[in-house]
């Protein structure tokens, strides 16, 4: 079982100011001994579905330097969809989000589906934290459910998908913090 101590995201001032939540970043996930166990890389990509050749993607490494998978935004028009890919870029799972990611007093669920996109196998949920926390802070709580027998590498990629979903749909547009700790 992975016990995360902290996550530290790095990006520079210029990209924070100009690109907001769509900025590129590197994220280090460390264990209780401050050893980096997972490394996430998000390059600069387009945030509009009309740029279908340059959609969001995140590379997941564990140990750092060894690619174990990718989270790739799929080209869809209304409902957000992602593919969880292994190191060979083969689809292992799909994620399908709701039409509207703005919900008051309710969780927002992204359903995790099998590779064909037909059978549900889990979910990523942005959990409702209460009116005060939701309105006055940029802090979010997420839950991830996946099959118990899912390969540990794909569980790490699912964690990366959770961070990508947070940045794409739930980070405030004017969050200019130097480094954000999770």
N, C-alpha and C. Protein backbone atom coordinates (compact mmCIF):
# COMPACT_ATOMS: atom_id res chain seq x y z
N UNK A 1 0.84 -1.17 0.00
CA UNK A 1 0.00 0.00 0.00
C UNK A 1 0.90 1.24 0.00
N UNK A 2 0.57 2.20 -0.86
CA UNK A 2 1.33 3.44 -0.96
C UNK A 2 0.77 4.47 0.01
N UNK A 3 1.60 4.91 0.92
CA UNK A 3 1.23 6.00 1.82
C UNK A 3 1.95 7.24 1.34
N UNK A 4 1.19 8.16 0.77
CA UNK A 4 1.79 9.38 0.26
C UNK A 4 2.01 10.37 1.38
N UNK A 5 3.16 10.95 1.39
CA UNK A 5 3.47 12.01 2.35
C UNK A 5 3.09 13.36 1.76
N UNK A 6 3.52 13.61 0.52
CA UNK A 6 3.20 14.89 -0.09
C UNK A 6 3.36 14.83 -1.60
N UNK A 7 2.76 15.79 -2.25
CA UNK A 7 2.92 16.00 -3.68
C UNK A 7 3.35 17.44 -3.85
N UNK A 8 4.35 17.65 -4.68
CA UNK A 8 4.84 19.01 -4.91
C UNK A 8 4.88 19.27 -6.40
N UNK A 9 4.15 20.29 -6.83
CA UNK A 9 4.08 20.64 -8.25
C UNK A 9 5.02 21.79 -8.52
N UNK A 10 5.74 21.70 -9.62
CA UNK A 10 6.66 22.77 -10.00
C UNK A 10 6.28 23.33 -11.36
N UNK A 11 6.19 24.65 -11.42
CA UNK A 11 6.01 25.35 -12.69
C UNK A 11 6.59 26.75 -12.48
N UNK A 12 6.92 27.42 -13.58
CA UNK A 12 7.55 28.73 -13.42
C UNK A 12 6.51 29.85 -13.42
N UNK A 13 6.95 31.03 -13.01
CA UNK A 13 6.07 32.19 -12.85
C UNK A 13 5.39 32.58 -14.16
N UNK A 14 6.12 32.57 -15.23
CA UNK A 14 5.58 32.99 -16.53
C UNK A 14 4.42 32.09 -16.96
N UNK A 15 4.60 30.78 -16.86
CA UNK A 15 3.52 29.88 -17.28
C UNK A 15 2.34 29.95 -16.33
N UNK A 16 2.58 30.17 -15.04
CA UNK A 16 1.46 30.33 -14.10
C UNK A 16 0.63 31.55 -14.46
N UNK A 17 1.29 32.65 -14.82
CA UNK A 17 0.58 33.89 -15.15
C UNK A 17 -0.13 33.81 -16.49
N UNK A 18 0.52 33.21 -17.48
CA UNK A 18 -0.01 33.21 -18.84
C UNK A 18 -0.96 32.05 -19.13
N UNK A 19 -0.70 30.90 -18.56
CA UNK A 19 -1.46 29.70 -18.92
C UNK A 19 -2.46 29.26 -17.87
N UNK A 20 -2.37 29.80 -16.64
CA UNK A 20 -3.31 29.43 -15.59
C UNK A 20 -3.33 27.94 -15.34
N UNK A 21 -4.52 27.35 -15.19
CA UNK A 21 -4.60 25.92 -14.87
C UNK A 21 -4.21 25.00 -16.03
N UNK A 22 -4.05 25.52 -17.22
CA UNK A 22 -3.64 24.67 -18.35
C UNK A 22 -2.13 24.63 -18.51
N UNK A 23 -1.39 25.19 -17.57
CA UNK A 23 0.07 25.27 -17.66
C UNK A 23 0.73 23.89 -17.57
N UNK A 24 1.91 23.77 -18.16
CA UNK A 24 2.67 22.53 -18.00
C UNK A 24 3.26 22.47 -16.59
N UNK A 25 3.51 21.26 -16.10
CA UNK A 25 4.14 21.13 -14.79
C UNK A 25 4.77 19.76 -14.63
N UNK A 26 5.61 19.66 -13.62
CA UNK A 26 6.16 18.40 -13.14
C UNK A 26 5.69 18.25 -11.71
N UNK A 27 5.28 17.04 -11.33
CA UNK A 27 4.83 16.80 -9.97
C UNK A 27 5.55 15.60 -9.40
N UNK A 28 6.05 15.76 -8.19
CA UNK A 28 6.72 14.68 -7.48
C UNK A 28 5.83 14.21 -6.35
N UNK A 29 5.59 12.91 -6.29
CA UNK A 29 4.82 12.31 -5.21
C UNK A 29 5.79 11.51 -4.37
N UNK A 30 5.88 11.86 -3.09
CA UNK A 30 6.86 11.23 -2.21
C UNK A 30 6.18 10.38 -1.14
N UNK A 31 6.95 9.43 -0.61
CA UNK A 31 6.44 8.60 0.48
C UNK A 31 6.81 9.22 1.82
N UNK A 32 6.57 8.49 2.89
CA UNK A 32 6.84 9.02 4.24
C UNK A 32 8.31 9.29 4.50
N UNK A 33 9.21 8.68 3.72
CA UNK A 33 10.64 8.91 3.88
C UNK A 33 11.17 9.99 2.94
N UNK A 34 10.25 10.75 2.33
CA UNK A 34 10.59 11.81 1.38
C UNK A 34 11.30 11.28 0.13
N UNK A 35 11.04 10.02 -0.23
CA UNK A 35 11.58 9.42 -1.45
C UNK A 35 10.53 9.56 -2.54
N UNK A 36 10.93 10.10 -3.69
CA UNK A 36 9.99 10.24 -4.80
C UNK A 36 9.63 8.87 -5.35
N UNK A 37 8.33 8.54 -5.34
CA UNK A 37 7.88 7.23 -5.81
C UNK A 37 7.13 7.32 -7.13
N UNK A 38 6.53 8.47 -7.41
CA UNK A 38 5.81 8.68 -8.67
C UNK A 38 6.16 10.08 -9.16
N UNK A 39 6.37 10.19 -10.46
CA UNK A 39 6.65 11.49 -11.07
C UNK A 39 5.67 11.69 -12.21
N UNK A 40 5.00 12.85 -12.24
CA UNK A 40 4.03 13.19 -13.28
C UNK A 40 4.57 14.33 -14.12
N UNK A 41 4.45 14.21 -15.43
CA UNK A 41 4.86 15.26 -16.37
C UNK A 41 3.67 15.64 -17.24
N UNK A 42 3.31 16.91 -17.19
CA UNK A 42 2.24 17.42 -18.04
C UNK A 42 2.83 18.49 -18.96
N UNK A 43 2.92 18.21 -20.26
CA UNK A 43 3.42 19.23 -21.19
C UNK A 43 2.35 20.27 -21.49
N UNK A 44 2.76 21.37 -22.08
CA UNK A 44 1.81 22.40 -22.50
C UNK A 44 0.98 21.85 -23.65
N UNK A 45 -0.31 21.88 -23.47
CA UNK A 45 -1.24 21.39 -24.48
C UNK A 45 -2.43 22.33 -24.58
N UNK A 46 -3.20 22.18 -25.61
CA UNK A 46 -4.39 23.01 -25.83
C UNK A 46 -5.51 22.56 -24.90
N UNK A 47 -6.34 23.50 -24.47
CA UNK A 47 -7.46 23.16 -23.60
C UNK A 47 -8.78 23.09 -24.36
N UNK A 48 -8.77 23.31 -25.63
CA UNK A 48 -9.99 23.29 -26.42
C UNK A 48 -10.11 21.98 -27.19
N UNK A 49 -11.32 21.43 -27.24
CA UNK A 49 -11.54 20.17 -27.96
C UNK A 49 -11.33 20.35 -29.47
N UNK A 50 -11.40 21.60 -29.97
CA UNK A 50 -11.26 21.80 -31.41
C UNK A 50 -9.82 21.60 -31.89
N UNK A 51 -8.86 21.58 -30.97
CA UNK A 51 -7.46 21.29 -31.32
C UNK A 51 -7.20 19.81 -31.05
N UNK A 52 -7.92 18.95 -31.75
CA UNK A 52 -7.92 17.52 -31.43
C UNK A 52 -6.57 16.84 -31.59
N UNK A 53 -5.63 17.48 -32.28
CA UNK A 53 -4.31 16.87 -32.44
C UNK A 53 -3.37 17.23 -31.30
N UNK A 54 -3.81 18.09 -30.38
CA UNK A 54 -2.93 18.57 -29.31
C UNK A 54 -3.67 18.61 -27.98
N UNK A 55 -4.43 17.55 -27.69
CA UNK A 55 -5.23 17.50 -26.46
C UNK A 55 -4.36 17.19 -25.25
N UNK A 56 -4.93 17.31 -24.07
CA UNK A 56 -4.20 17.11 -22.82
C UNK A 56 -3.65 15.68 -22.72
N UNK A 57 -2.46 15.59 -22.14
CA UNK A 57 -1.82 14.30 -21.92
C UNK A 57 -0.89 14.43 -20.73
N UNK A 58 -0.77 13.37 -19.97
CA UNK A 58 0.15 13.35 -18.82
C UNK A 58 0.92 12.04 -18.85
N UNK A 59 2.22 12.14 -18.61
CA UNK A 59 3.08 10.97 -18.53
C UNK A 59 3.30 10.63 -17.07
N UNK A 60 3.19 9.34 -16.72
CA UNK A 60 3.37 8.88 -15.34
C UNK A 60 4.60 7.99 -15.29
N UNK A 61 5.50 8.31 -14.36
CA UNK A 61 6.74 7.56 -14.20
C UNK A 61 6.83 7.00 -12.78
N UNK A 62 7.27 5.75 -12.68
CA UNK A 62 7.53 5.14 -11.37
C UNK A 62 8.40 3.91 -11.57
N UNK A 63 9.57 3.90 -11.03
CA UNK A 63 10.25 4.98 -10.34
C UNK A 63 10.51 6.13 -11.31
N UNK A 64 10.83 7.32 -10.81
CA UNK A 64 11.08 8.46 -11.69
C UNK A 64 12.10 8.11 -12.77
N UNK A 65 11.75 8.41 -14.01
CA UNK A 65 12.60 8.09 -15.15
C UNK A 65 12.13 6.87 -15.92
N UNK A 66 11.24 6.07 -15.33
CA UNK A 66 10.69 4.88 -15.99
C UNK A 66 9.20 5.11 -16.26
N UNK A 67 8.84 5.26 -17.53
CA UNK A 67 7.44 5.51 -17.91
C UNK A 67 6.63 4.25 -17.68
N UNK A 68 5.52 4.39 -16.94
CA UNK A 68 4.63 3.25 -16.70
C UNK A 68 3.27 3.43 -17.37
N UNK A 69 2.99 4.65 -17.83
CA UNK A 69 1.71 4.86 -18.50
C UNK A 69 1.44 6.32 -18.78
N UNK A 70 0.28 6.53 -19.40
CA UNK A 70 -0.14 7.87 -19.82
C UNK A 70 -1.62 8.05 -19.54
N UNK A 71 -2.01 9.30 -19.34
CA UNK A 71 -3.42 9.69 -19.31
C UNK A 71 -3.60 10.59 -20.51
N UNK A 72 -4.53 10.24 -21.39
CA UNK A 72 -4.70 10.99 -22.64
C UNK A 72 -6.15 11.42 -22.77
N UNK A 73 -6.35 12.72 -23.02
CA UNK A 73 -7.69 13.24 -23.27
C UNK A 73 -8.13 12.78 -24.65
N UNK A 74 -9.35 12.25 -24.73
CA UNK A 74 -9.90 11.83 -26.01
C UNK A 74 -10.67 12.98 -26.65
N UNK A 75 -10.75 12.98 -27.96
CA UNK A 75 -11.46 14.02 -28.69
C UNK A 75 -12.96 13.75 -28.64
N UNK A 76 -13.66 14.51 -27.82
CA UNK A 76 -15.11 14.43 -27.72
C UNK A 76 -15.66 15.86 -27.72
N UNK A 77 -16.94 16.00 -27.99
CA UNK A 77 -17.51 17.33 -28.13
C UNK A 77 -18.20 17.84 -26.87
N UNK A 78 -18.86 16.97 -26.13
CA UNK A 78 -19.63 17.43 -24.98
C UNK A 78 -19.16 16.79 -23.68
N UNK A 79 -19.05 15.49 -23.66
CA UNK A 79 -18.69 14.76 -22.45
C UNK A 79 -17.19 14.52 -22.42
N UNK A 80 -16.50 14.93 -21.34
CA UNK A 80 -15.06 14.71 -21.27
C UNK A 80 -14.73 13.22 -21.14
N UNK A 81 -13.77 12.77 -21.95
CA UNK A 81 -13.34 11.38 -21.91
C UNK A 81 -11.82 11.31 -21.95
N UNK A 82 -11.28 10.31 -21.26
CA UNK A 82 -9.84 10.09 -21.18
C UNK A 82 -9.55 8.62 -21.38
N UNK A 83 -8.34 8.34 -21.84
CA UNK A 83 -7.86 6.96 -21.94
C UNK A 83 -6.69 6.79 -20.99
N UNK A 84 -6.70 5.69 -20.26
CA UNK A 84 -5.57 5.30 -19.42
C UNK A 84 -4.77 4.31 -20.25
N UNK A 85 -3.53 4.68 -20.56
CA UNK A 85 -2.68 3.87 -21.44
C UNK A 85 -1.52 3.28 -20.66
N UNK A 86 -1.09 2.08 -21.05
CA UNK A 86 0.11 1.51 -20.43
C UNK A 86 1.35 2.08 -21.09
N UNK A 87 2.52 1.58 -20.73
CA UNK A 87 3.77 2.13 -21.26
C UNK A 87 3.91 1.95 -22.77
N UNK A 88 3.20 0.96 -23.34
CA UNK A 88 3.21 0.72 -24.78
C UNK A 88 2.12 1.52 -25.50
N UNK A 89 1.45 2.41 -24.76
CA UNK A 89 0.35 3.25 -25.27
C UNK A 89 -0.85 2.43 -25.71
N UNK A 90 -1.09 1.32 -25.05
CA UNK A 90 -2.27 0.50 -25.30
C UNK A 90 -3.33 0.88 -24.26
N UNK A 91 -4.57 1.02 -24.69
CA UNK A 91 -5.65 1.42 -23.80
C UNK A 91 -5.95 0.32 -22.80
N UNK A 92 -5.91 0.67 -21.52
CA UNK A 92 -6.22 -0.26 -20.45
C UNK A 92 -7.58 0.05 -19.85
N UNK A 93 -7.87 1.34 -19.67
CA UNK A 93 -9.14 1.80 -19.11
C UNK A 93 -9.57 3.08 -19.81
N UNK A 94 -10.84 3.41 -19.67
CA UNK A 94 -11.40 4.67 -20.16
C UNK A 94 -12.02 5.40 -18.98
N UNK A 95 -12.06 6.72 -19.06
CA UNK A 95 -12.73 7.54 -18.06
C UNK A 95 -13.72 8.44 -18.79
N UNK A 96 -14.95 8.46 -18.30
CA UNK A 96 -15.99 9.31 -18.89
C UNK A 96 -16.56 10.21 -17.81
N UNK A 97 -16.50 11.51 -18.06
CA UNK A 97 -16.98 12.48 -17.09
C UNK A 97 -18.41 12.91 -17.37
N UNK A 98 -18.93 13.78 -16.52
CA UNK A 98 -20.28 14.30 -16.73
C UNK A 98 -20.29 15.42 -17.76
N UNK A 99 -21.45 15.71 -18.29
CA UNK A 99 -21.61 16.80 -19.25
C UNK A 99 -21.26 18.13 -18.60
N UNK A 100 -21.65 18.30 -17.35
CA UNK A 100 -21.38 19.53 -16.60
C UNK A 100 -20.62 19.17 -15.33
N UNK A 101 -19.44 19.78 -15.16
CA UNK A 101 -18.63 19.48 -13.98
C UNK A 101 -18.90 20.45 -12.83
N UNK A 102 -19.87 21.33 -12.99
CA UNK A 102 -20.24 22.27 -11.92
C UNK A 102 -21.49 21.76 -11.24
N UNK A 103 -21.35 21.30 -10.00
CA UNK A 103 -22.50 20.82 -9.25
C UNK A 103 -22.46 21.41 -7.85
N UNK A 104 -23.58 21.90 -7.42
CA UNK A 104 -23.67 22.46 -6.08
C UNK A 104 -24.23 21.40 -5.14
N UNK A 105 -23.57 21.22 -4.02
CA UNK A 105 -24.02 20.30 -2.97
C UNK A 105 -24.02 18.84 -3.40
N UNK A 106 -23.17 18.47 -4.34
CA UNK A 106 -23.12 17.07 -4.78
C UNK A 106 -21.72 16.74 -5.29
N UNK A 107 -21.38 15.46 -5.25
CA UNK A 107 -20.12 15.00 -5.80
C UNK A 107 -20.17 15.03 -7.32
N UNK A 108 -19.02 15.21 -7.95
CA UNK A 108 -18.91 15.15 -9.41
C UNK A 108 -18.16 13.87 -9.74
N UNK A 109 -18.79 12.97 -10.49
CA UNK A 109 -18.21 11.65 -10.74
C UNK A 109 -17.74 11.49 -12.17
N UNK A 110 -16.53 10.97 -12.29
CA UNK A 110 -15.96 10.55 -13.56
C UNK A 110 -15.90 9.03 -13.51
N UNK A 111 -16.64 8.36 -14.38
CA UNK A 111 -16.74 6.90 -14.34
C UNK A 111 -15.54 6.25 -15.04
N UNK A 112 -14.96 5.27 -14.37
CA UNK A 112 -13.86 4.49 -14.94
C UNK A 112 -14.47 3.26 -15.58
N UNK A 113 -14.15 3.06 -16.85
CA UNK A 113 -14.74 1.96 -17.63
C UNK A 113 -13.64 1.02 -18.12
N UNK A 114 -14.05 -0.17 -18.56
CA UNK A 114 -13.07 -1.10 -19.12
C UNK A 114 -12.50 -0.52 -20.41
N UNK A 115 -11.56 -1.22 -21.02
CA UNK A 115 -10.86 -0.71 -22.22
C UNK A 115 -11.81 -0.44 -23.38
N UNK A 116 -12.93 -1.18 -23.45
CA UNK A 116 -13.91 -0.96 -24.52
C UNK A 116 -14.82 0.23 -24.23
N UNK A 117 -14.83 0.69 -22.99
CA UNK A 117 -15.69 1.81 -22.62
C UNK A 117 -17.12 1.40 -22.39
N UNK A 118 -17.36 0.10 -22.10
CA UNK A 118 -18.73 -0.38 -21.97
C UNK A 118 -19.13 -0.71 -20.53
N UNK A 119 -18.23 -1.27 -19.75
CA UNK A 119 -18.58 -1.72 -18.40
C UNK A 119 -17.88 -0.86 -17.34
N UNK A 120 -18.64 -0.36 -16.36
CA UNK A 120 -18.01 0.42 -15.29
C UNK A 120 -17.18 -0.47 -14.37
N UNK A 121 -16.00 0.03 -14.00
CA UNK A 121 -15.12 -0.72 -13.09
C UNK A 121 -14.68 0.13 -11.89
N UNK A 122 -15.02 1.41 -11.87
CA UNK A 122 -14.62 2.29 -10.78
C UNK A 122 -15.04 3.71 -11.06
N UNK A 123 -14.48 4.65 -10.28
CA UNK A 123 -14.80 6.06 -10.51
C UNK A 123 -13.77 6.95 -9.82
N UNK A 124 -13.69 8.17 -10.32
CA UNK A 124 -12.94 9.25 -9.69
C UNK A 124 -13.98 10.29 -9.32
N UNK A 125 -14.04 10.63 -8.04
CA UNK A 125 -15.06 11.56 -7.58
C UNK A 125 -14.43 12.80 -6.96
N UNK A 126 -14.89 13.97 -7.41
CA UNK A 126 -14.57 15.19 -6.70
C UNK A 126 -15.66 15.32 -5.66
N UNK A 127 -15.28 15.24 -4.40
CA UNK A 127 -16.25 15.18 -3.33
C UNK A 127 -16.63 16.58 -2.85
N UNK A 128 -17.92 16.79 -2.66
CA UNK A 128 -18.44 18.06 -2.17
C UNK A 128 -17.91 18.29 -0.76
N UNK A 129 -17.32 19.47 -0.52
CA UNK A 129 -16.68 19.76 0.77
C UNK A 129 -17.44 20.75 1.63
N UNK A 130 -18.56 21.19 1.16
CA UNK A 130 -19.32 22.19 1.91
C UNK A 130 -19.20 23.55 1.24
N UNK A 131 -20.20 24.37 1.42
CA UNK A 131 -20.30 25.65 0.74
C UNK A 131 -19.12 26.57 1.02
N UNK A 132 -18.72 26.69 2.28
CA UNK A 132 -17.64 27.63 2.64
C UNK A 132 -16.33 27.21 1.99
N UNK A 133 -15.96 25.94 2.13
CA UNK A 133 -14.69 25.47 1.56
C UNK A 133 -14.71 25.54 0.04
N UNK A 134 -15.81 25.16 -0.58
CA UNK A 134 -15.91 25.18 -2.04
C UNK A 134 -15.83 26.60 -2.59
N UNK A 135 -16.46 27.55 -1.91
CA UNK A 135 -16.53 28.92 -2.43
C UNK A 135 -15.26 29.72 -2.14
N UNK A 136 -14.69 29.56 -0.96
CA UNK A 136 -13.60 30.42 -0.54
C UNK A 136 -12.20 29.85 -0.71
N UNK A 137 -12.06 28.58 -1.08
CA UNK A 137 -10.73 27.99 -1.24
C UNK A 137 -10.63 27.26 -2.57
N UNK A 138 -9.41 26.92 -2.92
CA UNK A 138 -9.17 26.10 -4.10
C UNK A 138 -8.81 24.67 -3.69
N UNK A 139 -9.11 24.31 -2.44
CA UNK A 139 -8.83 22.96 -1.94
C UNK A 139 -9.95 22.03 -2.37
N UNK A 140 -9.59 20.88 -2.86
CA UNK A 140 -10.56 19.89 -3.31
C UNK A 140 -10.24 18.54 -2.70
N UNK A 141 -11.27 17.73 -2.50
CA UNK A 141 -11.12 16.36 -2.03
C UNK A 141 -11.56 15.43 -3.15
N UNK A 142 -10.73 14.44 -3.43
CA UNK A 142 -11.04 13.46 -4.46
C UNK A 142 -11.00 12.06 -3.89
N UNK A 143 -11.80 11.19 -4.45
CA UNK A 143 -11.77 9.77 -4.12
C UNK A 143 -11.58 8.99 -5.40
N UNK A 144 -10.81 7.91 -5.33
CA UNK A 144 -10.58 7.06 -6.50
C UNK A 144 -10.98 5.64 -6.14
N UNK A 145 -11.83 5.03 -6.96
CA UNK A 145 -12.20 3.63 -6.80
C UNK A 145 -11.78 2.90 -8.07
N UNK A 146 -11.12 1.75 -7.90
CA UNK A 146 -10.69 0.95 -9.04
C UNK A 146 -10.73 -0.52 -8.64
N UNK A 147 -10.68 -1.43 -9.61
CA UNK A 147 -10.72 -2.85 -9.28
C UNK A 147 -9.53 -3.25 -8.40
N UNK A 148 -9.78 -4.13 -7.44
CA UNK A 148 -8.72 -4.59 -6.54
C UNK A 148 -7.58 -5.27 -7.29
N UNK A 149 -7.90 -5.97 -8.38
CA UNK A 149 -6.88 -6.71 -9.12
C UNK A 149 -6.20 -5.88 -10.21
N UNK A 150 -6.46 -4.58 -10.25
CA UNK A 150 -5.82 -3.72 -11.23
C UNK A 150 -4.31 -3.65 -10.95
N UNK A 151 -3.52 -3.72 -12.00
CA UNK A 151 -2.07 -3.65 -11.88
C UNK A 151 -1.66 -2.39 -11.13
N UNK A 152 -0.68 -2.51 -10.24
CA UNK A 152 -0.26 -1.37 -9.42
C UNK A 152 0.23 -0.21 -10.28
N UNK A 153 0.80 -0.49 -11.44
CA UNK A 153 1.23 0.59 -12.34
C UNK A 153 0.03 1.39 -12.82
N UNK A 154 -1.06 0.70 -13.15
CA UNK A 154 -2.25 1.40 -13.63
C UNK A 154 -2.94 2.16 -12.50
N UNK A 155 -2.77 1.70 -11.26
CA UNK A 155 -3.29 2.46 -10.12
C UNK A 155 -2.55 3.79 -10.00
N UNK A 156 -1.25 3.77 -10.25
CA UNK A 156 -0.47 5.01 -10.23
C UNK A 156 -0.90 5.93 -11.37
N UNK A 157 -1.19 5.37 -12.53
CA UNK A 157 -1.66 6.18 -13.66
C UNK A 157 -3.04 6.76 -13.35
N UNK A 158 -3.88 6.01 -12.64
CA UNK A 158 -5.18 6.54 -12.22
C UNK A 158 -5.00 7.73 -11.28
N UNK A 159 -4.00 7.68 -10.41
CA UNK A 159 -3.70 8.82 -9.54
C UNK A 159 -3.32 10.03 -10.39
N UNK A 160 -2.52 9.80 -11.43
CA UNK A 160 -2.19 10.87 -12.36
C UNK A 160 -3.42 11.43 -13.05
N UNK A 161 -4.36 10.56 -13.42
CA UNK A 161 -5.60 11.00 -14.04
C UNK A 161 -6.40 11.90 -13.10
N UNK A 162 -6.38 11.57 -11.83
CA UNK A 162 -7.08 12.39 -10.83
C UNK A 162 -6.51 13.81 -10.79
N UNK A 163 -5.18 13.92 -10.81
CA UNK A 163 -4.56 15.25 -10.81
C UNK A 163 -4.86 16.00 -12.11
N UNK A 164 -4.84 15.31 -13.25
CA UNK A 164 -5.15 15.97 -14.52
C UNK A 164 -6.59 16.47 -14.53
N UNK A 165 -7.52 15.67 -14.05
CA UNK A 165 -8.92 16.07 -13.98
C UNK A 165 -9.08 17.29 -13.07
N UNK A 166 -8.38 17.28 -11.94
CA UNK A 166 -8.43 18.43 -11.03
C UNK A 166 -7.98 19.70 -11.74
N UNK A 167 -6.85 19.64 -12.43
CA UNK A 167 -6.34 20.85 -13.09
C UNK A 167 -7.23 21.28 -14.25
N UNK A 168 -7.78 20.35 -14.98
CA UNK A 168 -8.59 20.71 -16.15
C UNK A 168 -9.96 21.28 -15.78
N UNK A 169 -10.57 20.77 -14.72
CA UNK A 169 -11.96 21.12 -14.46
C UNK A 169 -12.22 21.86 -13.15
N UNK A 170 -11.31 21.77 -12.17
CA UNK A 170 -11.64 22.29 -10.85
C UNK A 170 -10.67 23.32 -10.30
N UNK A 171 -9.54 23.54 -10.91
CA UNK A 171 -8.63 24.55 -10.40
C UNK A 171 -9.13 25.92 -10.81
N UNK A 172 -9.09 26.85 -9.87
CA UNK A 172 -9.54 28.21 -10.16
C UNK A 172 -8.63 28.83 -11.20
N UNK A 173 -9.19 29.65 -12.04
CA UNK A 173 -8.46 30.26 -13.15
C UNK A 173 -7.32 31.16 -12.71
N UNK A 174 -7.43 31.82 -11.60
CA UNK A 174 -6.41 32.77 -11.17
C UNK A 174 -5.62 32.26 -9.97
N UNK A 175 -5.28 30.98 -9.96
CA UNK A 175 -4.48 30.44 -8.87
C UNK A 175 -3.01 30.58 -9.23
N UNK A 176 -2.34 31.55 -8.66
CA UNK A 176 -0.96 31.83 -9.02
C UNK A 176 0.01 31.44 -7.91
N UNK A 177 -0.33 30.43 -7.12
CA UNK A 177 0.58 29.98 -6.07
C UNK A 177 1.87 29.48 -6.71
N UNK A 178 2.99 29.75 -6.06
CA UNK A 178 4.29 29.31 -6.57
C UNK A 178 4.35 27.79 -6.63
N UNK A 179 4.16 27.13 -5.53
CA UNK A 179 4.15 25.68 -5.46
C UNK A 179 2.92 25.28 -4.65
N UNK A 180 2.17 24.34 -5.15
CA UNK A 180 0.97 23.89 -4.46
C UNK A 180 1.24 22.52 -3.88
N UNK A 181 0.98 22.34 -2.61
CA UNK A 181 1.20 21.05 -1.96
C UNK A 181 -0.14 20.36 -1.79
N UNK A 182 -0.15 19.05 -2.06
CA UNK A 182 -1.37 18.25 -1.93
C UNK A 182 -1.26 17.32 -0.75
